[in-house]
Every structure is written in structure tokens, then in C-alpha cells.
C-alpha atoms as a PDB file:
ATOM      1  CA  MET A   1       0.015   0.005   0.008  1.00  0.00           C
ATOM      2  CA  LEU A   2       1.406   3.337  -1.008  1.00  0.00           C
ATOM      3  CA  HIS A   3       0.148   6.347   0.977  1.00  0.00           C
ATOM      4  CA  LEU A   4       1.018   9.892  -0.066  1.00  0.00           C
ATOM      5  CA  ILE A   5       0.222  13.042   1.940  1.00  0.00           C
ATOM      6  CA  SER A   6       0.546  16.466   0.319  1.00  0.00           C
ATOM      7  CA  PRO A   7       0.537  19.576   2.579  1.00  0.00           C
ATOM      8  CA  ARG A   8       0.208  21.882  -0.417  1.00  0.00           C
ATOM      9  CA  SER A   9      -3.129  20.556  -1.539  1.00  0.00           C
ATOM     10  CA  ARG A  10      -3.894  18.540   1.636  1.00  0.00           C
ATOM     11  CA  LEU A  11      -4.166  15.390  -0.497  1.00  0.00           C
ATOM     12  CA  SER A  12      -4.181  11.883   0.927  1.00  0.00           C
ATOM     13  CA  PHE A  13      -3.759   9.214  -1.738  1.00  0.00           C
ATOM     14  CA  SER A  14      -3.735   5.411  -1.338  1.00  0.00           C
ATOM     15  CA  LEU A  15      -2.569   2.926  -4.006  1.00  0.00           C
ATOM     16  CA  ARG A  16      -1.834  -0.771  -3.775  1.00  0.00           C
ATOM     17  CA  LEU A  17       1.216  -2.101  -5.670  1.00  0.00           C
ATOM     18  CA  SER A  18       1.152  -5.779  -6.533  1.00  0.00           C
ATOM     19  CA  SER A  19       4.185  -7.983  -6.968  1.00  0.00           C
ATOM     20  CA  HIS A  20       3.048  -8.561 -10.598  1.00  0.00           C
ATOM     21  CA  GLY A  21       3.345  -4.833 -11.339  1.00  0.00           C
ATOM     22  CA  LEU A  22       5.765  -3.974  -8.643  1.00  0.00           C
ATOM     23  CA  TRP A  23       8.706  -3.194 -10.849  1.00  0.00           C
ATOM     24  CA  ARG A  24       6.759  -0.930 -13.183  1.00  0.00           C
ATOM     25  CA  GLY A  25       4.992   0.741 -10.298  1.00  0.00           C
ATOM     26  CA  ALA A  26       8.220   1.108  -8.357  1.00  0.00           C
ATOM     27  CA  VAL A  27       9.882   2.851 -11.307  1.00  0.00           C
ATOM     28  CA  ALA A  28       6.967   5.251 -11.613  1.00  0.00           C
ATOM     29  CA  LEU A  29       6.964   5.707  -7.823  1.00  0.00           C
ATOM     30  CA  ALA A  30      10.728   6.382  -7.703  1.00  0.00           C
ATOM     31  CA  CYS A  31      10.352   9.051 -10.402  1.00  0.00           C
ATOM     32  CA  LEU A  32       7.441  10.598  -8.606  1.00  0.00           C
ATOM     33  CA  ILE A  33       9.192  10.595  -5.218  1.00  0.00           C
ATOM     34  CA  THR A  34      12.202  12.283  -6.875  1.00  0.00           C
ATOM     35  CA  LEU A  35       9.928  15.044  -8.040  1.00  0.00           C
ATOM     36  CA  LEU A  36       7.884  15.297  -4.876  1.00  0.00           C
ATOM     37  CA  THR A  37      10.738  15.425  -2.404  1.00  0.00           C
ATOM     38  CA  GLY A  38      12.781  17.873  -4.477  1.00  0.00           C
ATOM     39  CA  GLY A  39      15.576  15.294  -5.122  1.00  0.00           C
ATOM     40  CA  ALA A  40      16.020  16.694  -8.653  1.00  0.00           C
ATOM     41  CA  ALA A  41      16.019  20.223 -10.008  1.00  0.00           C
ATOM     42  CA  HIS A  42      12.381  20.434 -11.062  1.00  0.00           C
ATOM     43  CA  SER A  43      10.087  23.394 -10.776  1.00  0.00           C
ATOM     44  CA  GLY A  44       6.282  23.649 -10.538  1.00  0.00           C
ATOM     45  CA  ALA A  45       3.679  21.969  -8.404  1.00  0.00           C
ATOM     46  CA  ALA A  46       5.128  18.487  -8.774  1.00  0.00           C
ATOM     47  CA  ALA A  47       8.274  19.463  -6.893  1.00  0.00           C
ATOM     48  CA  ARG A  48       6.201  20.864  -4.019  1.00  0.00           C
ATOM     49  CA  CYS A  49       3.525  18.153  -3.880  1.00  0.00           C
ATOM     50  CA  ALA A  50       4.405  15.773  -1.041  1.00  0.00           C
ATOM     51  CA  SER A  51       6.425  15.971   2.120  1.00  0.00           C
ATOM     52  CA  GLN A  52       5.705  12.530   3.437  1.00  0.00           C
ATOM     53  CA  VAL A  53       5.750   9.101   1.860  1.00  0.00           C
ATOM     54  CA  ALA A  54       4.779   6.124   3.944  1.00  0.00           C
ATOM     55  CA  HIS A  55       3.418   2.577   3.649  1.00  0.00           C
ATOM     56  CA  SER A  56       0.237   1.898   5.549  1.00  0.00           C
ATOM     57  CA  GLY A  57      -2.803  -0.358   5.553  1.00  0.00           C
ATOM     58  CA  ALA A  58      -6.315   0.630   4.414  1.00  0.00           C
ATOM     59  CA  ALA A  59      -8.269   2.847   6.779  1.00  0.00           C
ATOM     60  CA  ALA A  60     -10.439   0.799   9.160  1.00  0.00           C
ATOM     61  CA  ARG A  61     -13.970   0.325   7.815  1.00  0.00           C
ATOM     62  CA  PRO A  62     -16.904  -1.736   9.029  1.00  0.00           C
ATOM     63  CA  ALA A  63     -16.627  -5.209   7.425  1.00  0.00           C
ATOM     64  CA  SER A  64     -20.201  -4.880   6.056  1.00  0.00           C
ATOM     65  CA  LEU A  65     -19.241  -1.746   4.141  1.00  0.00           C
ATOM     66  CA  GLU A  66     -15.841  -2.880   2.921  1.00  0.00           C
ATOM     67  CA  LEU A  67     -15.404  -2.949  -0.851  1.00  0.00           C
ATOM     68  CA  PRO A  68     -12.827  -5.434  -2.176  1.00  0.00           C
ATOM     69  CA  ARG A  69      -9.399  -3.799  -2.773  1.00  0.00           C
ATOM     70  CA  SER A  70      -6.914  -4.743  -5.401  1.00  0.00           C
ATOM     71  CA  SER A  71      -3.761  -3.480  -7.047  1.00  0.00           C
ATOM     72  CA  PRO A  72      -4.240  -1.670 -10.380  1.00  0.00           C
ATOM     73  CA  GLU A  73      -2.144  -4.192 -12.237  1.00  0.00           C
ATOM     74  CA  ALA A  74      -4.264  -7.116 -11.037  1.00  0.00           C
ATOM     75  CA  GLN A  75      -7.229  -5.397 -12.735  1.00  0.00           C
ATOM     76  CA  GLY A  76      -5.401  -4.426 -15.958  1.00  0.00           C
ATOM     77  CA  ILE A  77      -4.398  -0.864 -15.055  1.00  0.00           C
ATOM     78  CA  ALA A  78      -0.911   0.551 -14.758  1.00  0.00           C
ATOM     79  CA  SER A  79      -0.054   2.133 -11.383  1.00  0.00           C
ATOM     80  CA  SER A  80       1.968   4.781 -13.174  1.00  0.00           C
ATOM     81  CA  ASP A  81      -1.174   5.925 -15.053  1.00  0.00           C
ATOM     82  CA  VAL A  82      -3.143   6.220 -11.828  1.00  0.00           C
ATOM     83  CA  LEU A  83      -0.387   8.188 -10.139  1.00  0.00           C
ATOM     84  CA  ALA A  84      -0.190  10.478 -13.141  1.00  0.00           C
ATOM     85  CA  PHE A  85      -3.893  11.139 -13.007  1.00  0.00           C
ATOM     86  CA  VAL A  86      -4.030  11.922  -9.318  1.00  0.00           C
ATOM     87  CA  GLN A  87      -1.017  14.214  -9.614  1.00  0.00           C
ATOM     88  CA  ALA A  88      -2.632  16.066 -12.585  1.00  0.00           C
ATOM     89  CA  ALA A  89      -5.927  16.343 -10.701  1.00  0.00           C
ATOM     90  CA  ASP A  90      -4.087  17.692  -7.634  1.00  0.00           C
ATOM     91  CA  GLU A  91      -2.378  20.386  -9.675  1.00  0.00           C
ATOM     92  CA  GLN A  92      -5.063  21.326 -12.196  1.00  0.00           C
ATOM     93  CA  VAL A  93      -8.499  20.800 -10.645  1.00  0.00           C
ATOM     94  CA  ASP A  94      -9.792  23.202  -8.051  1.00  0.00           C
ATOM     95  CA  THR A  95     -11.894  22.066  -5.036  1.00  0.00           C
ATOM     96  CA  MET A  96     -11.285  18.362  -5.427  1.00  0.00           C
ATOM     97  CA  ASN A  97     -13.090  16.409  -2.678  1.00  0.00           C
ATOM     98  CA  SER A  98     -12.256  12.788  -3.265  1.00  0.00           C
ATOM     99  CA  PHE A  99     -11.462  10.217  -5.942  1.00  0.00           C
ATOM    100  CA  MET A 100     -12.037   6.471  -6.062  1.00  0.00           C
ATOM    101  CA  LEU A 101     -11.243   4.202  -9.002  1.00  0.00           C
ATOM    102  CA  LEU A 102     -13.057   0.867  -9.358  1.00  0.00           C
ATOM    103  CA  ARG A 103     -12.225  -1.778 -11.899  1.00  0.00           C
ATOM    104  CA  ASN A 104     -13.940  -5.097 -12.177  1.00  0.00           C
ATOM    105  CA  GLY A 105     -15.689  -4.509  -8.879  1.00  0.00           C
ATOM    106  CA  HIS A 106     -12.460  -3.722  -6.979  1.00  0.00           C
ATOM    107  CA  VAL A 107     -11.143  -0.473  -5.590  1.00  0.00           C
ATOM    108  CA  VAL A 108      -7.688   0.011  -7.087  1.00  0.00           C
ATOM    109  CA  ALA A 109      -6.994   3.583  -5.965  1.00  0.00           C
ATOM    110  CA  GLU A 110      -8.548   6.157  -3.589  1.00  0.00           C
ATOM    111  CA  ALA A 111      -7.725   9.737  -2.618  1.00  0.00           C
ATOM    112  CA  TRP A 112      -9.142  12.480  -0.410  1.00  0.00           C
ATOM    113  CA  TRP A 113      -8.488  16.202  -0.274  1.00  0.00           C
ATOM    114  CA  ALA A 114      -8.740  17.713   3.248  1.00  0.00           C
ATOM    115  CA  PRO A 115     -10.999  18.332   5.031  1.00  0.00           C
ATOM    116  CA  TYR A 116     -12.548  15.218   3.495  1.00  0.00           C
ATOM    117  CA  ASP A 117     -11.405  11.686   4.413  1.00  0.00           C
ATOM    118  CA  ALA A 118     -12.514   8.095   4.165  1.00  0.00           C
ATOM    119  CA  GLN A 119     -14.396   8.083   7.520  1.00  0.00           C
ATOM    120  CA  THR A 120     -16.447  11.268   7.040  1.00  0.00           C
ATOM    121  CA  PRO A 121     -19.900  11.043   5.332  1.00  0.00           C
ATOM    122  CA  HIS A 122     -20.139  13.259   2.276  1.00  0.00           C
ATOM    123  CA  ILE A 123     -23.281  14.896   0.958  1.00  0.00           C
ATOM    124  CA  LEU A 124     -23.713  13.648  -2.643  1.00  0.00           C
ATOM    125  CA  TYR A 125     -26.387  16.057  -3.851  1.00  0.00           C
ATOM    126  CA  SER A 126     -27.436  15.236  -7.430  1.00  0.00           C
ATOM    127  CA  LEU A 127     -25.039  12.247  -7.658  1.00  0.00           C
ATOM    128  CA  SER A 128     -27.679  10.326  -5.689  1.00  0.00           C
ATOM    129  CA  LYS A 129     -29.957  10.626  -8.775  1.00  0.00           C
ATOM    130  CA  SER A 130     -27.770   8.126 -10.588  1.00  0.00           C
ATOM    131  CA  PHE A 131     -28.080   5.584  -7.795  1.00  0.00           C
ATOM    132  CA  THR A 132     -31.805   6.186  -7.432  1.00  0.00           C
ATOM    133  CA  SER A 133     -32.593   5.872 -11.123  1.00  0.00           C
ATOM    134  CA  THR A 134     -30.517   2.719 -11.371  1.00  0.00           C
ATOM    135  CA  ALA A 135     -32.386   1.195  -8.430  1.00  0.00           C
ATOM    136  CA  VAL A 136     -35.683   2.097 -10.025  1.00  0.00           C
ATOM    137  CA  GLY A 137     -34.587   0.450 -13.258  1.00  0.00           C
ATOM    138  CA  LEU A 138     -33.665  -2.761 -11.429  1.00  0.00           C
ATOM    139  CA  ALA A 139     -37.020  -2.711  -9.597  1.00  0.00           C
ATOM    140  CA  ILE A 140     -38.906  -2.236 -12.927  1.00  0.00           C
ATOM    141  CA  ALA A 141     -36.935  -5.149 -14.450  1.00  0.00           C
ATOM    142  CA  GLU A 142     -38.008  -7.340 -11.505  1.00  0.00           C
ATOM    143  CA  GLY A 143     -41.654  -6.298 -11.999  1.00  0.00           C
ATOM    144  CA  LYS A 144     -41.904  -4.484  -8.640  1.00  0.00           C
ATOM    145  CA  LEU A 145     -43.166  -1.170 -10.133  1.00  0.00           C
ATOM    146  CA  SER A 146     -43.550   0.779 -13.345  1.00  0.00           C
ATOM    147  CA  LEU A 147     -42.757   4.324 -14.437  1.00  0.00           C
ATOM    148  CA  ASP A 148     -46.487   5.139 -14.548  1.00  0.00           C
ATOM    149  CA  ASP A 149     -47.210   4.053 -10.968  1.00  0.00           C
ATOM    150  CA  GLU A 150     -48.620   6.827  -8.790  1.00  0.00           C
ATOM    151  CA  VAL A 151     -46.192   7.995  -6.145  1.00  0.00           C
ATOM    152  CA  LEU A 152     -48.873   7.951  -3.428  1.00  0.00           C
ATOM    153  CA  LYS A 153     -49.327   4.194  -4.107  1.00  0.00           C
ATOM    154  CA  PHE A 154     -46.068   3.563  -2.239  1.00  0.00           C
ATOM    155  CA  PHE A 155     -46.451   6.093   0.570  1.00  0.00           C
ATOM    156  CA  ARG A 156     -50.092   5.894   1.642  1.00  0.00           C
ATOM    157  CA  GLU A 157     -49.206   6.313   5.349  1.00  0.00           C
ATOM    158  CA  ASP A 158     -47.174   9.497   4.694  1.00  0.00           C
ATOM    159  CA  ALA A 159     -49.718  11.085   2.325  1.00  0.00           C
ATOM    160  CA  PRO A 160     -51.715  14.190   3.343  1.00  0.00           C
ATOM    161  CA  ALA A 161     -55.284  13.494   4.498  1.00  0.00           C
ATOM    162  CA  GLN A 162     -56.587  15.364   1.425  1.00  0.00           C
ATOM    163  CA  PRO A 163     -53.978  15.239  -1.299  1.00  0.00           C
ATOM    164  CA  SER A 164     -54.273  17.690  -4.141  1.00  0.00           C
ATOM    165  CA  GLU A 165     -55.181  16.611  -7.655  1.00  0.00           C
ATOM    166  CA  ASN A 166     -51.626  17.380  -8.817  1.00  0.00           C
ATOM    167  CA  LEU A 167     -50.117  15.272  -6.073  1.00  0.00           C
ATOM    168  CA  GLN A 168     -52.416  12.400  -6.885  1.00  0.00           C
ATOM    169  CA  SER A 169     -51.337  12.511 -10.476  1.00  0.00           C
ATOM    170  CA  MET A 170     -47.604  12.465  -9.714  1.00  0.00           C
ATOM    171  CA  ARG A 171     -45.931   9.399 -11.157  1.00  0.00           C
ATOM    172  CA  VAL A 172     -42.577   7.632 -10.708  1.00  0.00           C
ATOM    173  CA  ARG A 173     -41.424   8.984 -14.030  1.00  0.00           C
ATOM    174  CA  ASP A 174     -42.077  12.555 -12.746  1.00  0.00           C
ATOM    175  CA  LEU A 175     -39.681  11.981  -9.865  1.00  0.00           C
ATOM    176  CA  LEU A 176     -37.012  10.672 -12.222  1.00  0.00           C
ATOM    177  CA  ARG A 177     -37.388  13.614 -14.559  1.00  0.00           C
ATOM    178  CA  MET A 178     -37.454  16.202 -11.775  1.00  0.00           C
ATOM    179  CA  ALA A 179     -40.904  17.235 -13.058  1.00  0.00           C
ATOM    180  CA  THR A 180     -42.984  16.865  -9.934  1.00  0.00           C
ATOM    181  CA  GLY A 181     -44.865  20.170 -10.310  1.00  0.00           C
ATOM    182  CA  HIS A 182     -43.278  21.880  -7.320  1.00  0.00           C
ATOM    183  CA  GLN A 183     -42.576  25.582  -7.439  1.00  0.00           C
ATOM    184  CA  THR A 184     -40.149  25.426  -4.499  1.00  0.00           C
ATOM    185  CA  GLU A 185     -38.143  22.687  -2.853  1.00  0.00           C
ATOM    186  CA  ALA A 186     -39.477  20.891   0.206  1.00  0.00           C
ATOM    187  CA  GLN A 187     -37.417  21.743   3.269  1.00  0.00           C
ATOM    188  CA  LEU A 188     -36.428  18.257   4.224  1.00  0.00           C
ATOM    189  CA  ARG A 189     -33.974  19.455   6.895  1.00  0.00           C
ATOM    190  CA  SER A 190     -36.277  22.107   8.387  1.00  0.00           C
ATOM    191  CA  ALA A 191     -36.031  22.562  12.097  1.00  0.00           C
ATOM    192  CA  GLU A 192     -39.573  23.876  12.352  1.00  0.00           C
ATOM    193  CA  ALA A 193     -41.769  22.298  15.013  1.00  0.00           C
ATOM    194  CA  GLY A 194     -43.582  19.262  13.774  1.00  0.00           C
ATOM    195  CA  THR A 195     -41.326  18.637  10.749  1.00  0.00           C
ATOM    196  CA  LYS A 196     -37.846  18.210  12.243  1.00  0.00           C
ATOM    197  CA  ASN A 197     -38.288  14.543  13.170  1.00  0.00           C
ATOM    198  CA  GLN A 198     -40.922  13.380  10.702  1.00  0.00           C
ATOM    199  CA  PRO A 199     -40.097  11.181   7.707  1.00  0.00           C
ATOM    200  CA  TRP A 200     -38.746  13.008   4.661  1.00  0.00           C
ATOM    201  CA  THR A 201     -41.432  11.368   2.534  1.00  0.00           C
ATOM    202  CA  LYS A 202     -44.140  12.905   4.637  1.00  0.00           C
ATOM    203  CA  THR A 203     -42.501  16.356   4.377  1.00  0.00           C
ATOM    204  CA  PHE A 204     -42.114  15.953   0.629  1.00  0.00           C
ATOM    205  CA  LEU A 205     -45.737  14.828   0.050  1.00  0.00           C
ATOM    206  CA  ALA A 206     -47.079  17.679   2.260  1.00  0.00           C
ATOM    207  CA  HIS A 207     -45.304  20.300   0.123  1.00  0.00           C
ATOM    208  CA  PRO A 208     -47.583  22.238  -2.232  1.00  0.00           C
ATOM    209  CA  VAL A 209     -47.741  21.007  -5.844  1.00  0.00           C
ATOM    210  CA  PRO A 210     -49.123  24.065  -7.717  1.00  0.00           C
ATOM    211  CA  PHE A 211     -48.370  22.736 -11.204  1.00  0.00           C
ATOM    212  CA  LYS A 212     -49.358  19.556 -12.954  1.00  0.00           C
ATOM    213  CA  PRO A 213     -46.474  17.108 -12.976  1.00  0.00           C
END
């Protein structure tokens, strides 16, 4: 396991080197360390990138959440290419949060830019739409629901006592297309009395739907 820490960008990067690709990875690593530690007369961000190089194990994670780890070479990727990508991202991309590379179902590289790290939950915002739409597609393939199912069909207990006509007409496809008919967003994290601890589905369904989905 290679672990790099960069004070300039506050980057923490982990990469596994296999014996199969050790020589090639070691050559790339040696070149990178030469640049990072200022062992050669190089200018630019690469020469300032890292002040510490150490070997360490993967960060502790609950076994139930652990994704299988592998070296890049074992999954058909050159370690040198991964190192080059992370270095380029560190130097050229602003406000990087994290990076994880999966190949054949295995994590072959992972990196975090402070204040983010492997143990801290990260708000995903719109990235969650990809997961949700994929899950809906799988459910449809298994015959559990359809795009034209009414939303209230699945949340009868959280529905308002007298749902509006527009809310009643809201379908699964409207959720996926972000075409629910809302004029404003439901305040799912509102601290107002009566809504702070109630299910998000109930808050969402209670929000006015002034337009037809």
C-alpha cells in the first residue's frame, strides 16, 4: 500500500502495488518521489507536492461496508497511469473532494483532499440521482413497479389527508425527470416544530404542488 500526503493541496492518496506490477509501479513511484521530495532540480507543483511518503494499511472500515481492494495491475491498469492522473488532478483541478477508481468490482485507488477523508460522510447532492434511477430500473426489471405508478401508491401512510389533484397525478417518471410540479423545494432538513423529526417522505408529500407534474 502506497500512501502519499501532500501539505500543499492537503491530499491523501492510497494505491496498492502488486508484486506482478511492482517493478513498473516502483519505477513510476521512484520518479514521482524524486519530483515530490525535490531530489531533482524540477520546478512547478510536482516538486512541491508531497512531504511525506509512507506505507500503511487501508483505513479501518466496518466489514459490512468494505469494498474489495486490489492493485491496479491485477485489474489491468498501470499504477503509473493512476499516479499521473491523481497528480494532474491535484495540480489542475480546483476544489477536489475525493477520488475512487473501481475496476472489475475492486477499488484500485482512492484519494481524499482535506478536510474530506475516508471516514467522514459526504453529501452527494445530485449524484444520488444516478443511484436512485439505477435502483428504479432494477425494480422495474423485476416487476416491482412501473414508471407510470402513482407516487402515493407507495407512501399511503405518509400522504396528506386530502392530497391535491396534482399530487395524486404524480408518477414515478415525474420523480426521475425532476418534473414533480413543485414551485419550491421541500425543506427536508427544516427545524420547524412538527417537521424536524418526521419522515422525509411525509414532508415531501405535504409540500404544495401548484403545477401539474
